[in-house]
Amino acid sequence: MKAVHYTKPFFSLRPVEIKNGRWHVADLNKPRGGLWCSPLDSDYGWRNWCQNNGFVDAEHDQRVIFDVDMSNFVVIDSAEDMKTRLPWILFVDGYSMAIDFEKIVHEGVDGIHLTKNGYAEAEFAYPESLYGWDCETILILNDRCIRSTET
């Protein structure tokens, strides 16, 4: 699959390293590290979200396109997929859940693909949630899945 990543000029691909989030409520569902992309052909990817929300102007960022081998990805197409296909751990507040990204990587998974439908169902689910992912997302957890890169 072709995936697009928006970044500042002079992007260079580095080894992807993953650590669990900062254990702050705003970061529960995002790892430290990873390469955040959207499918190139998505009708609700990062660029669309930015334009719709006035967040940043992705037109001025460098666009990097990756050809990604998705055969070893967890695909989240529903709230049920999110709850059953991702490993969850209890957050220190005792009632919120957080994704154990380190476990996913240890199990050999290369990434997570949150589809448009999965995003719509999983963003406000409870107690597990992908709040903050904002759009259809490809999160690369291991760069070995990248076949090629073009800028």
C-alpha atoms as a PDB file:
ATOM      1  CA  MET A   1       0.000   0.000   0.000  1.00  0.00           C
ATOM      2  CA  LYS A   2       1.152   3.537  -0.680  1.00  0.00           C
ATOM      3  CA  ALA A   3       1.239   5.676   2.456  1.00  0.00           C
ATOM      4  CA  VAL A   4       1.944   9.387   2.786  1.00  0.00           C
ATOM      5  CA  HIS A   5       3.756  11.145   5.616  1.00  0.00           C
ATOM      6  CA  TYR A   6       3.974  14.936   5.947  1.00  0.00           C
ATOM      7  CA  THR A   7       7.106  16.366   7.522  1.00  0.00           C
ATOM      8  CA  LYS A   8       9.416  19.317   7.519  1.00  0.00           C
ATOM      9  CA  PRO A   9      11.925  19.551   4.636  1.00  0.00           C
ATOM     10  CA  PHE A  10      14.972  17.294   4.509  1.00  0.00           C
ATOM     11  CA  PHE A  11      13.283  14.149   5.807  1.00  0.00           C
ATOM     12  CA  SER A  12      15.479  11.093   6.160  1.00  0.00           C
ATOM     13  CA  LEU A  13      14.223   7.686   7.202  1.00  0.00           C
ATOM     14  CA  ARG A  14      15.707   6.524  10.485  1.00  0.00           C
ATOM     15  CA  PRO A  15      15.172   3.263  12.334  1.00  0.00           C
ATOM     16  CA  VAL A  16      11.769   3.307  14.014  1.00  0.00           C
ATOM     17  CA  GLU A  17      11.878   2.876  17.776  1.00  0.00           C
ATOM     18  CA  ILE A  18       8.777   2.360  19.911  1.00  0.00           C
ATOM     19  CA  LYS A  19       8.137   3.003  23.587  1.00  0.00           C
ATOM     20  CA  ASN A  20       4.805   3.106  25.354  1.00  0.00           C
ATOM     21  CA  GLY A  21       3.176   6.520  25.715  1.00  0.00           C
ATOM     22  CA  ARG A  22       4.156   9.020  28.348  1.00  0.00           C
ATOM     23  CA  TRP A  23       1.432   7.758  30.672  1.00  0.00           C
ATOM     24  CA  HIS A  24      -0.376  11.032  30.473  1.00  0.00           C
ATOM     25  CA  VAL A  25      -4.058  10.979  29.535  1.00  0.00           C
ATOM     26  CA  ALA A  26      -3.419  12.863  26.278  1.00  0.00           C
ATOM     27  CA  ASP A  27      -0.801  10.292  25.212  1.00  0.00           C
ATOM     28  CA  LEU A  28      -2.428   7.019  26.264  1.00  0.00           C
ATOM     29  CA  ASN A  29      -2.985   5.783  22.752  1.00  0.00           C
ATOM     30  CA  LYS A  30       0.129   7.064  21.043  1.00  0.00           C
ATOM     31  CA  PRO A  31       3.590   5.573  21.363  1.00  0.00           C
ATOM     32  CA  ARG A  32       6.788   7.510  21.685  1.00  0.00           C
ATOM     33  CA  GLY A  33       8.229   6.918  18.248  1.00  0.00           C
ATOM     34  CA  GLY A  34       6.644   5.422  15.179  1.00  0.00           C
ATOM     35  CA  LEU A  35       6.052   6.822  11.735  1.00  0.00           C
ATOM     36  CA  TRP A  36       2.583   8.328  11.316  1.00  0.00           C
ATOM     37  CA  CYS A  37       1.083   8.146   7.824  1.00  0.00           C
ATOM     38  CA  SER A  38      -2.222   7.901   6.008  1.00  0.00           C
ATOM     39  CA  PRO A  39      -3.061   5.808   2.950  1.00  0.00           C
ATOM     40  CA  LEU A  40      -2.176   7.870  -0.118  1.00  0.00           C
ATOM     41  CA  ASP A  41      -5.643   7.299  -1.585  1.00  0.00           C
ATOM     42  CA  SER A  42      -7.551   7.961   1.651  1.00  0.00           C
ATOM     43  CA  ASP A  43     -10.482  10.345   1.464  1.00  0.00           C
ATOM     44  CA  TYR A  44     -10.018  11.175   5.168  1.00  0.00           C
ATOM     45  CA  GLY A  45      -6.291  11.100   5.851  1.00  0.00           C
ATOM     46  CA  TRP A  46      -4.019  13.496   7.696  1.00  0.00           C
ATOM     47  CA  ARG A  47      -4.046  16.208   5.017  1.00  0.00           C
ATOM     48  CA  ASN A  48      -7.861  16.219   4.930  1.00  0.00           C
ATOM     49  CA  TRP A  49      -8.066  16.401   8.716  1.00  0.00           C
ATOM     50  CA  CYS A  50      -5.592  19.292   8.862  1.00  0.00           C
ATOM     51  CA  GLN A  51      -7.484  21.270   6.223  1.00  0.00           C
ATOM     52  CA  ASN A  52     -10.876  20.597   7.840  1.00  0.00           C
ATOM     53  CA  ASN A  53      -9.660  21.625  11.296  1.00  0.00           C
ATOM     54  CA  GLY A  54      -7.302  24.489  10.459  1.00  0.00           C
ATOM     55  CA  PHE A  55      -4.569  22.627  12.330  1.00  0.00           C
ATOM     56  CA  VAL A  56      -1.593  23.026   9.977  1.00  0.00           C
ATOM     57  CA  ASP A  57      -1.156  23.582   6.286  1.00  0.00           C
ATOM     58  CA  ALA A  58       0.141  20.229   5.076  1.00  0.00           C
ATOM     59  CA  GLU A  59       0.584  21.748   1.609  1.00  0.00           C
ATOM     60  CA  HIS A  60       3.760  23.430   2.847  1.00  0.00           C
ATOM     61  CA  ASP A  61       5.221  20.327   4.436  1.00  0.00           C
ATOM     62  CA  GLN A  62       7.346  17.838   2.554  1.00  0.00           C
ATOM     63  CA  ARG A  63       5.319  14.889   1.335  1.00  0.00           C
ATOM     64  CA  VAL A  64       7.050  11.508   1.625  1.00  0.00           C
ATOM     65  CA  ILE A  65       5.440   8.479   0.032  1.00  0.00           C
ATOM     66  CA  PHE A  66       6.194   4.979   1.267  1.00  0.00           C
ATOM     67  CA  ASP A  67       5.401   1.680  -0.381  1.00  0.00           C
ATOM     68  CA  VAL A  68       4.468  -0.368   2.668  1.00  0.00           C
ATOM     69  CA  ASP A  69       4.133  -4.150   2.985  1.00  0.00           C
ATOM     70  CA  MET A  70       0.938  -4.363   5.060  1.00  0.00           C
ATOM     71  CA  SER A  71       0.988  -8.159   5.475  1.00  0.00           C
ATOM     72  CA  ASN A  72       2.102  -7.923   9.108  1.00  0.00           C
ATOM     73  CA  PHE A  73      -0.184  -5.090  10.255  1.00  0.00           C
ATOM     74  CA  VAL A  74      -3.051  -5.102  12.713  1.00  0.00           C
ATOM     75  CA  VAL A  75      -6.077  -3.723  10.848  1.00  0.00           C
ATOM     76  CA  ILE A  76      -8.660  -1.899  12.940  1.00  0.00           C
ATOM     77  CA  ASP A  77     -11.935  -1.585  11.025  1.00  0.00           C
ATOM     78  CA  SER A  78     -14.309  -1.426  14.009  1.00  0.00           C
ATOM     79  CA  ALA A  79     -14.436  -0.755  17.740  1.00  0.00           C
ATOM     80  CA  GLU A  80     -14.533  -4.520  18.270  1.00  0.00           C
ATOM     81  CA  ASP A  81     -11.299  -4.931  16.255  1.00  0.00           C
ATOM     82  CA  MET A  82      -9.685  -2.251  18.406  1.00  0.00           C
ATOM     83  CA  LYS A  83     -10.706  -3.983  21.629  1.00  0.00           C
ATOM     84  CA  THR A  84      -9.698  -7.496  20.579  1.00  0.00           C
ATOM     85  CA  ARG A  85      -6.691  -7.034  18.262  1.00  0.00           C
ATOM     86  CA  LEU A  86      -4.640  -4.635  20.366  1.00  0.00           C
ATOM     87  CA  PRO A  87      -3.081  -5.409  23.753  1.00  0.00           C
ATOM     88  CA  TRP A  88      -4.451  -3.111  26.451  1.00  0.00           C
ATOM     89  CA  ILE A  89      -3.085  -2.301  29.882  1.00  0.00           C
ATOM     90  CA  LEU A  90      -4.730  -0.416  32.729  1.00  0.00           C
ATOM     91  CA  PHE A  91      -3.532   3.163  33.046  1.00  0.00           C
ATOM     92  CA  VAL A  92      -2.267   4.356  36.415  1.00  0.00           C
ATOM     93  CA  ASP A  93      -5.505   6.257  37.115  1.00  0.00           C
ATOM     94  CA  GLY A  94      -7.214   2.881  37.513  1.00  0.00           C
ATOM     95  CA  TYR A  95      -9.996   3.283  34.954  1.00  0.00           C
ATOM     96  CA  SER A  96      -8.449   4.291  31.599  1.00  0.00           C
ATOM     97  CA  MET A  97      -6.899   1.811  29.207  1.00  0.00           C
ATOM     98  CA  ALA A  98      -3.661   2.290  27.242  1.00  0.00           C
ATOM     99  CA  ILE A  99      -2.244   0.384  24.274  1.00  0.00           C
ATOM    100  CA  ASP A 100       0.853  -1.675  25.050  1.00  0.00           C
ATOM    101  CA  PHE A 101       2.851  -0.704  21.954  1.00  0.00           C
ATOM    102  CA  GLU A 102       6.027  -2.331  23.247  1.00  0.00           C
ATOM    103  CA  LYS A 103       4.197  -5.673  23.408  1.00  0.00           C
ATOM    104  CA  ILE A 104       2.903  -5.268  19.842  1.00  0.00           C
ATOM    105  CA  VAL A 105       6.444  -4.687  18.567  1.00  0.00           C
ATOM    106  CA  HIS A 106       7.811  -7.558  20.674  1.00  0.00           C
ATOM    107  CA  GLU A 107       5.215  -9.821  19.040  1.00  0.00           C
ATOM    108  CA  GLY A 108       6.641  -8.875  15.627  1.00  0.00           C
ATOM    109  CA  VAL A 109       3.854  -6.620  14.318  1.00  0.00           C
ATOM    110  CA  ASP A 110       5.049  -3.994  11.824  1.00  0.00           C
ATOM    111  CA  GLY A 111       2.221  -1.508  12.258  1.00  0.00           C
ATOM    112  CA  ILE A 112      -1.401  -0.605  12.770  1.00  0.00           C
ATOM    113  CA  HIS A 113      -3.850   0.448  10.064  1.00  0.00           C
ATOM    114  CA  LEU A 114      -6.841   2.312  11.451  1.00  0.00           C
ATOM    115  CA  THR A 115      -9.331   2.410   8.592  1.00  0.00           C
ATOM    116  CA  LYS A 116     -11.816   5.239   8.053  1.00  0.00           C
ATOM    117  CA  ASN A 117     -14.589   3.043   9.473  1.00  0.00           C
ATOM    118  CA  GLY A 118     -12.394   1.985  12.384  1.00  0.00           C
ATOM    119  CA  TYR A 119     -11.638   5.621  13.158  1.00  0.00           C
ATOM    120  CA  ALA A 120     -15.351   6.488  13.195  1.00  0.00           C
ATOM    121  CA  GLU A 121     -16.123   3.664  15.637  1.00  0.00           C
ATOM    122  CA  ALA A 122     -13.026   3.711  17.842  1.00  0.00           C
ATOM    123  CA  GLU A 123     -12.382   7.388  18.499  1.00  0.00           C
ATOM    124  CA  PHE A 124     -14.887   7.725  21.347  1.00  0.00           C
ATOM    125  CA  ALA A 125     -15.243   4.106  22.479  1.00  0.00           C
ATOM    126  CA  TYR A 126     -14.799   3.412  26.201  1.00  0.00           C
ATOM    127  CA  PRO A 127     -12.790   2.325  28.131  1.00  0.00           C
ATOM    128  CA  GLU A 128     -10.527   1.406  25.204  1.00  0.00           C
ATOM    129  CA  SER A 129     -10.305   4.263  22.712  1.00  0.00           C
ATOM    130  CA  LEU A 130      -8.223   5.592  19.852  1.00  0.00           C
ATOM    131  CA  TYR A 131      -9.056   9.160  20.745  1.00  0.00           C
ATOM    132  CA  GLY A 132      -6.512  11.499  19.196  1.00  0.00           C
ATOM    133  CA  TRP A 133      -5.715   9.443  16.106  1.00  0.00           C
ATOM    134  CA  ASP A 134      -7.956  11.914  14.210  1.00  0.00           C
ATOM    135  CA  CYS A 135      -8.209  10.235  10.794  1.00  0.00           C
ATOM    136  CA  GLU A 136      -7.501   7.109   8.756  1.00  0.00           C
ATOM    137  CA  THR A 137      -4.023   6.182   9.925  1.00  0.00           C
ATOM    138  CA  ILE A 138      -1.116   3.916   9.149  1.00  0.00           C
ATOM    139  CA  LEU A 139       1.230   3.804  12.130  1.00  0.00           C
ATOM    140  CA  ILE A 140       4.525   2.150  11.195  1.00  0.00           C
ATOM    141  CA  LEU A 141       6.074   0.460  14.226  1.00  0.00           C
ATOM    142  CA  ASN A 142       8.914  -1.296  12.391  1.00  0.00           C
ATOM    143  CA  ASP A 143      10.583   0.200   9.316  1.00  0.00           C
ATOM    144  CA  ARG A 144      11.342  -3.245   7.814  1.00  0.00           C
ATOM    145  CA  CYS A 145       7.879  -3.084   6.195  1.00  0.00           C
ATOM    146  CA  ILE A 146       8.885  -0.095   4.024  1.00  0.00           C
ATOM    147  CA  ARG A 147       9.726  -1.338   0.545  1.00  0.00           C
ATOM    148  CA  SER A 148      10.600   2.059  -0.938  1.00  0.00           C
ATOM    149  CA  THR A 149      10.481   5.783  -0.260  1.00  0.00           C
ATOM    150  CA  GLU A 150       9.931   8.701  -2.605  1.00  0.00           C
ATOM    151  CA  THR A 151       9.887  12.439  -1.893  1.00  0.00           C
END
